[in-house]
N, C-alpha and C. Protein backbone atom coordinates (compact mmCIF):
# COMPACT_ATOMS: atom_id res chain seq x y z
N MET A 1 12.81 4.85 -7.39
CA MET A 1 12.70 2.84 -7.35
C MET A 1 11.63 3.20 -6.45
N LYS A 2 10.91 2.11 -7.07
CA LYS A 2 9.25 1.70 -6.13
C LYS A 2 9.46 1.31 -4.68
N PRO A 3 8.49 1.44 -4.15
CA PRO A 3 8.47 1.37 -2.98
C PRO A 3 9.04 -0.07 -2.47
N VAL A 4 8.31 -1.05 -3.44
CA VAL A 4 8.87 -2.37 -2.97
C VAL A 4 10.60 -2.70 -2.78
N GLN A 5 10.96 -1.78 -4.15
CA GLN A 5 12.56 -1.91 -3.87
C GLN A 5 12.93 -0.99 -2.78
N VAL A 6 12.87 -0.29 -2.28
CA VAL A 6 13.33 0.88 -1.29
C VAL A 6 12.97 -0.11 -0.15
N ALA A 7 12.08 -0.73 0.14
CA ALA A 7 11.90 -1.87 1.84
C ALA A 7 12.96 -3.34 1.34
N GLU A 8 13.38 -3.32 -0.33
CA GLU A 8 14.45 -4.65 -0.21
C GLU A 8 15.78 -3.61 0.06
N ARG A 9 16.39 -2.91 -0.34
CA ARG A 9 17.03 -2.33 0.22
C ARG A 9 17.30 -1.81 1.66
N LEU A 10 16.13 -1.94 2.12
CA LEU A 10 16.29 -0.92 3.64
C LEU A 10 16.73 -2.25 4.65
N ARG A 11 16.11 -3.67 3.86
CA ARG A 11 16.34 -5.15 3.97
C ARG A 11 17.14 -5.21 4.46
N TRP A 12 18.37 -5.19 3.34
CA TRP A 12 19.77 -4.85 3.17
C TRP A 12 21.07 -3.90 4.12
N LEU A 13 20.19 -3.15 4.04
CA LEU A 13 20.67 -2.07 4.77
C LEU A 13 21.17 -2.76 7.05
N ARG A 14 19.63 -2.98 7.07
CA ARG A 14 19.56 -3.65 8.22
C ARG A 14 19.85 -4.98 8.41
N GLU A 15 20.10 -5.82 7.77
CA GLU A 15 20.97 -6.71 7.99
C GLU A 15 22.73 -6.82 8.07
N ILE A 16 23.08 -5.72 7.25
CA ILE A 16 24.35 -5.29 7.51
C ILE A 16 24.81 -4.84 9.18
N ALA A 17 23.79 -4.07 9.48
CA ALA A 17 24.18 -2.68 10.59
C ALA A 17 23.84 -3.97 11.66
N VAL A 18 22.46 -5.20 11.23
CA VAL A 18 22.88 -6.40 12.49
C VAL A 18 24.87 -7.16 12.52
N ARG A 19 25.00 -7.12 11.53
CA ARG A 19 26.36 -8.00 11.30
C ARG A 19 27.24 -7.05 11.87
N THR A 20 27.70 -5.86 11.61
CA THR A 20 28.51 -4.92 12.33
C THR A 20 27.89 -4.32 13.90
N GLY A 21 27.27 -5.09 13.83
CA GLY A 21 26.57 -3.97 15.48
C GLY A 21 26.69 -2.68 15.08
N ARG A 22 25.77 -2.33 14.49
CA ARG A 22 25.40 -1.15 14.73
C ARG A 22 23.85 -0.37 15.01
N ASP A 23 23.18 0.72 14.95
CA ASP A 23 22.05 1.19 15.62
C ASP A 23 21.90 2.07 14.36
N LEU A 24 20.64 1.36 13.45
CA LEU A 24 20.13 2.95 13.17
C LEU A 24 18.70 3.09 13.34
N SER A 25 18.47 2.97 14.86
CA SER A 25 17.35 3.40 15.32
C SER A 25 17.52 5.00 15.13
N ASN A 26 18.38 5.89 15.18
CA ASN A 26 18.92 7.37 15.40
C ASN A 26 18.57 7.98 13.83
N PHE A 27 18.61 7.42 12.84
CA PHE A 27 18.71 7.35 10.92
C PHE A 27 17.37 7.90 10.66
N ALA A 28 17.44 8.98 10.39
CA ALA A 28 15.89 9.18 9.10
C ALA A 28 16.07 8.54 8.07
N LEU A 29 15.63 7.94 7.93
CA LEU A 29 15.57 7.14 6.30
C LEU A 29 14.52 8.09 5.31
N SER A 30 15.15 8.39 4.67
CA SER A 30 14.73 9.77 2.95
C SER A 30 14.70 8.43 1.85
N HIS A 31 14.39 9.07 1.05
CA HIS A 31 13.94 8.83 -0.43
C HIS A 31 13.65 10.25 -1.11
N ARG A 32 14.20 9.87 -2.58
CA ARG A 32 13.44 10.97 -3.39
C ARG A 32 12.97 10.42 -4.83
N ALA A 33 11.00 10.98 -4.58
CA ALA A 33 9.96 10.70 -5.57
C ALA A 33 10.12 12.23 -6.39
N TYR A 34 9.90 11.33 -7.97
CA TYR A 34 10.33 12.13 -8.96
C TYR A 34 8.93 11.77 -9.54
N LEU A 35 7.77 12.81 -9.12
CA LEU A 35 6.02 13.31 -9.24
C LEU A 35 5.47 14.17 -10.33
N GLY A 36 4.58 13.62 -10.92
CA GLY A 36 3.70 14.96 -11.66
C GLY A 36 2.40 14.22 -11.90
N PHE A 37 1.31 15.47 -12.00
CA PHE A 37 0.19 14.98 -12.06
C PHE A 37 -0.12 14.60 -13.57
N SER A 38 -1.30 13.85 -13.52
CA SER A 38 -1.39 13.05 -14.99
C SER A 38 -3.00 12.28 -14.87
N ASP A 39 -4.02 12.40 -15.87
CA ASP A 39 -5.14 11.50 -15.22
C ASP A 39 -5.21 10.26 -15.08
N ARG A 40 -3.99 9.64 -16.00
CA ARG A 40 -3.81 8.53 -16.08
C ARG A 40 -2.07 7.57 -14.90
N TRP A 41 -2.28 6.80 -14.17
CA TRP A 41 -1.00 5.99 -14.20
C TRP A 41 0.08 6.26 -14.95
N THR A 42 1.07 6.45 -15.06
CA THR A 42 2.27 6.34 -16.03
C THR A 42 3.71 6.58 -15.58
N GLU A 43 4.09 5.86 -15.59
CA GLU A 43 5.71 5.08 -15.05
C GLU A 43 6.74 6.10 -16.61
N THR A 44 7.68 6.22 -16.23
CA THR A 44 8.51 7.41 -16.93
C THR A 44 9.80 6.36 -16.57
N GLY A 45 10.74 6.57 -17.85
CA GLY A 45 12.19 5.46 -17.98
C GLY A 45 12.59 6.11 -18.38
N GLY A 46 14.42 5.59 -18.44
CA GLY A 46 15.15 6.23 -18.77
C GLY A 46 15.75 6.77 -17.43
N TYR A 47 16.51 8.13 -17.69
CA TYR A 47 17.30 8.05 -16.25
C TYR A 47 16.44 8.63 -15.14
N VAL A 48 15.36 9.33 -15.28
CA VAL A 48 14.91 9.44 -14.46
C VAL A 48 13.08 8.53 -14.09
N GLU A 49 13.42 7.78 -12.77
CA GLU A 49 12.06 7.01 -13.22
C GLU A 49 10.98 8.01 -12.08
N GLY A 50 9.76 7.94 -12.73
CA GLY A 50 9.14 9.05 -11.60
C GLY A 50 7.33 8.43 -11.97
N ILE A 51 6.85 9.46 -11.50
CA ILE A 51 5.46 8.98 -11.94
C ILE A 51 4.13 9.89 -11.82
N LEU A 52 3.85 10.06 -12.82
CA LEU A 52 2.77 11.31 -13.25
C LEU A 52 1.04 10.07 -13.05
N ALA A 53 0.38 10.38 -12.17
CA ALA A 53 -0.78 10.13 -11.85
C ALA A 53 -1.70 10.87 -11.41
N PRO A 54 -2.95 10.12 -11.72
CA PRO A 54 -3.96 11.36 -10.19
C PRO A 54 -3.64 11.59 -8.97
N PRO A 55 -4.49 12.54 -8.49
CA PRO A 55 -4.04 12.69 -6.64
C PRO A 55 -4.18 11.92 -5.86
N THR A 56 -5.08 10.84 -5.65
CA THR A 56 -5.11 10.10 -5.32
C THR A 56 -4.30 8.96 -5.21
N GLU A 57 -4.55 8.72 -6.35
CA GLU A 57 -3.19 7.71 -6.91
C GLU A 57 -1.58 8.34 -5.99
N LEU A 58 -0.99 9.09 -6.61
CA LEU A 58 0.05 9.72 -6.08
C LEU A 58 0.35 9.73 -4.78
N ALA A 59 -0.84 10.57 -3.69
CA ALA A 59 -0.94 9.49 -2.29
C ALA A 59 -0.99 8.35 -1.59
N ASP A 60 -1.68 7.48 -2.69
CA ASP A 60 -1.59 6.28 -2.07
C ASP A 60 0.41 5.26 -2.06
N TYR A 61 0.52 6.04 -3.52
CA TYR A 61 2.11 6.06 -3.87
C TYR A 61 3.10 6.27 -2.55
N LEU A 62 2.77 7.45 -2.25
CA LEU A 62 3.82 7.87 -1.28
C LEU A 62 3.42 7.01 0.00
N ASN A 63 2.09 7.01 0.65
CA ASN A 63 2.03 6.18 1.46
C ASN A 63 2.47 4.73 1.65
N GLN A 64 2.44 4.19 0.35
CA GLN A 64 3.79 3.28 0.57
C GLN A 64 5.35 3.10 1.12
N PHE A 65 5.46 4.59 0.68
CA PHE A 65 6.92 4.63 1.48
C PHE A 65 6.73 4.51 2.37
N ALA A 66 5.95 5.02 3.55
CA ALA A 66 6.08 5.85 4.86
C ALA A 66 5.90 3.94 5.60
N GLU A 67 4.90 3.35 4.85
CA GLU A 67 4.74 1.63 5.16
C GLU A 67 5.77 0.89 5.54
N VAL A 68 6.98 1.11 4.63
CA VAL A 68 8.37 0.36 4.61
C VAL A 68 9.45 0.31 5.02
N GLY A 69 9.05 1.93 6.05
CA GLY A 69 9.98 2.53 7.42
C GLY A 69 10.64 3.93 6.80
N ILE A 70 10.55 4.62 5.51
CA ILE A 70 10.63 5.78 5.28
C ILE A 70 10.17 7.05 5.95
N HIS A 71 10.29 7.67 6.38
CA HIS A 71 10.38 8.88 7.53
C HIS A 71 10.19 10.09 6.54
N GLU A 72 11.01 9.91 5.49
CA GLU A 72 10.88 11.66 4.49
C GLU A 72 11.15 11.28 3.43
N VAL A 73 9.97 11.61 2.33
CA VAL A 73 10.29 11.93 1.12
C VAL A 73 10.48 13.32 0.12
N LEU A 74 11.61 13.55 0.18
CA LEU A 74 11.83 14.16 -0.98
C LEU A 74 11.22 14.03 -2.39
N ILE A 75 10.40 15.04 -2.76
CA ILE A 75 9.82 15.27 -4.00
C ILE A 75 10.27 16.34 -4.63
N THR A 76 10.36 15.73 -6.15
CA THR A 76 10.70 16.25 -7.61
C THR A 76 10.03 16.19 -8.50
N PRO A 77 9.44 17.39 -9.21
CA PRO A 77 8.25 17.63 -9.81
C PRO A 77 8.44 17.19 -11.32
N ILE A 78 8.20 16.60 -12.08
CA ILE A 78 8.25 15.98 -13.29
C ILE A 78 6.72 15.85 -14.34
N GLY A 79 7.65 16.04 -15.21
CA GLY A 79 5.99 16.53 -16.59
C GLY A 79 5.67 17.70 -16.91
N ALA A 80 4.97 17.75 -17.14
CA ALA A 80 4.25 18.81 -18.09
C ALA A 80 3.87 20.26 -16.70
N ASP A 81 2.88 19.43 -15.91
CA ASP A 81 2.82 20.40 -15.17
C ASP A 81 4.13 21.01 -13.26
N ARG A 82 5.44 21.30 -13.99
CA ARG A 82 6.49 21.39 -13.52
C ARG A 82 6.33 22.75 -12.95
N ALA A 83 5.66 23.56 -13.18
CA ALA A 83 5.99 25.26 -12.95
C ALA A 83 5.96 25.00 -11.50
N LEU A 84 6.83 25.27 -10.68
CA LEU A 84 6.75 24.49 -8.82
C LEU A 84 6.04 25.71 -8.34
N GLU A 85 5.31 26.73 -8.34
CA GLU A 85 4.67 27.31 -7.90
C GLU A 85 3.27 26.99 -7.79
N HIS A 86 2.70 26.08 -8.80
CA HIS A 86 1.49 24.87 -9.36
C HIS A 86 1.21 24.01 -8.93
N PHE A 87 3.13 23.53 -8.84
CA PHE A 87 2.60 22.10 -8.60
C PHE A 87 3.10 22.06 -7.18
N MET A 88 3.13 23.05 -5.97
CA MET A 88 3.50 23.02 -5.11
C MET A 88 2.06 23.30 -4.59
N ASP A 89 0.97 23.84 -5.44
CA ASP A 89 -0.48 24.48 -4.94
C ASP A 89 -1.31 23.02 -4.45
N ARG A 90 -1.72 22.31 -6.22
CA ARG A 90 -1.77 21.47 -6.39
C ARG A 90 -1.73 20.26 -5.44
N PHE A 91 -0.55 19.79 -4.97
CA PHE A 91 0.10 18.76 -3.90
C PHE A 91 -0.64 19.20 -2.53
N ASP A 92 -0.80 20.52 -2.76
CA ASP A 92 -0.50 20.65 -0.65
C ASP A 92 -1.93 20.21 -1.08
N LYS A 93 -3.32 20.90 -2.12
CA LYS A 93 -4.47 20.38 -2.21
C LYS A 93 -5.19 19.57 -1.83
N GLU A 94 -4.51 18.62 -3.10
CA GLU A 94 -5.23 17.77 -3.37
C GLU A 94 -4.57 15.77 -3.24
N VAL A 95 -3.12 16.24 -2.46
CA VAL A 95 -1.92 14.94 -2.19
C VAL A 95 -2.01 15.20 -0.83
N ARG A 96 -1.49 15.78 -0.17
CA ARG A 96 -0.96 16.20 1.09
C ARG A 96 -2.10 16.23 2.18
N PRO A 97 -3.38 15.99 2.21
CA PRO A 97 -4.36 16.18 2.93
C PRO A 97 -4.35 14.43 2.92
N ARG A 98 -4.16 13.74 2.14
CA ARG A 98 -4.93 12.04 1.77
C ARG A 98 -3.26 11.69 2.36
N LEU A 99 -2.13 12.07 3.14
CA LEU A 99 -0.44 11.25 3.56
C LEU A 99 -1.22 10.94 4.82
N LYS A 100 -0.47 9.83 4.95
CA LYS A 100 -0.86 9.80 6.67
C LYS A 100 -0.13 10.13 7.29
């Protein structure tokens, strides 16, 4: 799901919580994102909706989740650059420093 879709679902959860007298303040909200590196922004389709993009655009995309209230993003590598060690090294060097 894109950040705008996640924001809509969080709004629904908050509305339900208010109606039922529940407090969500002790919940850590998380989301799984499927990401890979690419020279240009590409959205995957089908069963796995993911994003392939340059590092700066991946960081901007991930920062949007924090802005809508997500506390933790679980990342699953996709694309040709999926070797976990290589993905993690690149993510750590090129994306992580840009995260809020």
